[in-house]
Amino acid sequence: MFTRTKFTQWKQQLLDNASELFSKDKANSATADATLKDLHAKISLLTMENVFLSKVLDR
C-alpha cells in the first residue's frame, strides 16, 4: 500500500540520486553492456530451445 510517507521517501531518494540515474559513467556503462550481452545470449538460447522443442513435439 502506498502511503504519503513512503511516497515522500521515494521522491526524496529520486531527487538525491537523479544525477546518477542519467549519468554516463563508464563503470555503469560497462556493467550495463555486459548485462545486455548476457541477456541477448539467454534470449538466443531460449529461442533455439523453443524452435527445437516445437519441431520435436510436432512429430
Protein backbone atom coordinates (compact mmCIF):
# COMPACT_ATOMS: atom_id res chain seq x y z
CA MET A 1 0.00 0.00 0.00
CA PHE A 2 1.27 3.44 -0.87
CA THR A 3 1.39 5.89 1.95
CA ARG A 4 2.23 9.54 1.89
CA THR A 5 5.36 8.83 3.95
CA LYS A 6 6.61 6.14 1.56
CA PHE A 7 5.94 8.33 -1.46
CA THR A 8 7.81 11.21 0.19
CA GLN A 9 10.79 8.93 0.87
CA TRP A 10 10.87 7.72 -2.74
CA LYS A 11 10.62 11.25 -4.03
CA GLN A 12 13.50 12.36 -1.82
CA GLN A 13 15.62 9.41 -2.96
CA LEU A 14 14.94 10.32 -6.57
CA LEU A 15 15.82 13.96 -6.02
CA ASP A 16 19.02 12.99 -4.18
CA ASN A 17 20.14 10.47 -6.80
CA ALA A 18 18.66 11.72 -10.08
CA SER A 19 22.04 12.79 -11.43
CA GLU A 20 23.36 9.23 -11.03
CA LEU A 21 20.34 7.87 -12.84
CA PHE A 22 21.12 9.83 -16.00
CA SER A 23 24.92 9.96 -15.80
CA LYS A 24 27.05 8.33 -18.47
CA ASP A 25 29.51 6.81 -16.04
CA LYS A 26 31.93 4.41 -17.75
CA ALA A 27 31.71 1.82 -14.96
CA ASN A 28 27.93 1.69 -15.12
CA SER A 29 28.06 1.57 -18.90
CA ALA A 30 30.44 -1.39 -18.91
CA THR A 31 28.25 -3.26 -16.44
CA ALA A 32 25.15 -2.49 -18.47
CA ASP A 33 26.86 -3.68 -21.66
CA ALA A 34 27.87 -6.96 -20.01
CA THR A 35 24.35 -7.46 -18.68
CA LEU A 36 22.88 -6.71 -22.09
CA LYS A 37 25.18 -9.24 -23.75
CA ASP A 38 24.19 -11.86 -21.16
CA LEU A 39 20.51 -11.16 -21.79
CA HIS A 40 20.94 -11.41 -25.56
CA ALA A 41 22.75 -14.73 -25.13
CA LYS A 42 19.95 -16.04 -22.93
CA ILE A 43 17.29 -14.91 -25.42
CA SER A 44 19.16 -16.69 -28.22
CA LEU A 45 19.42 -19.88 -26.18
CA LEU A 46 15.74 -19.84 -25.26
CA THR A 47 14.76 -19.17 -28.86
CA MET A 48 16.81 -22.14 -30.06
CA GLU A 49 15.26 -24.34 -27.37
CA ASN A 50 11.77 -23.25 -28.37
CA VAL A 51 12.42 -23.99 -32.04
CA PHE A 52 13.89 -27.38 -31.20
CA LEU A 53 11.06 -28.33 -28.87
CA SER A 54 8.38 -27.17 -31.30
CA LYS A 55 9.91 -29.39 -34.02
CA VAL A 56 10.25 -32.38 -31.70
CA LEU A 57 6.74 -32.07 -30.26
CA ASP A 58 5.08 -31.60 -33.66
CA ARG A 59 6.02 -35.15 -34.70
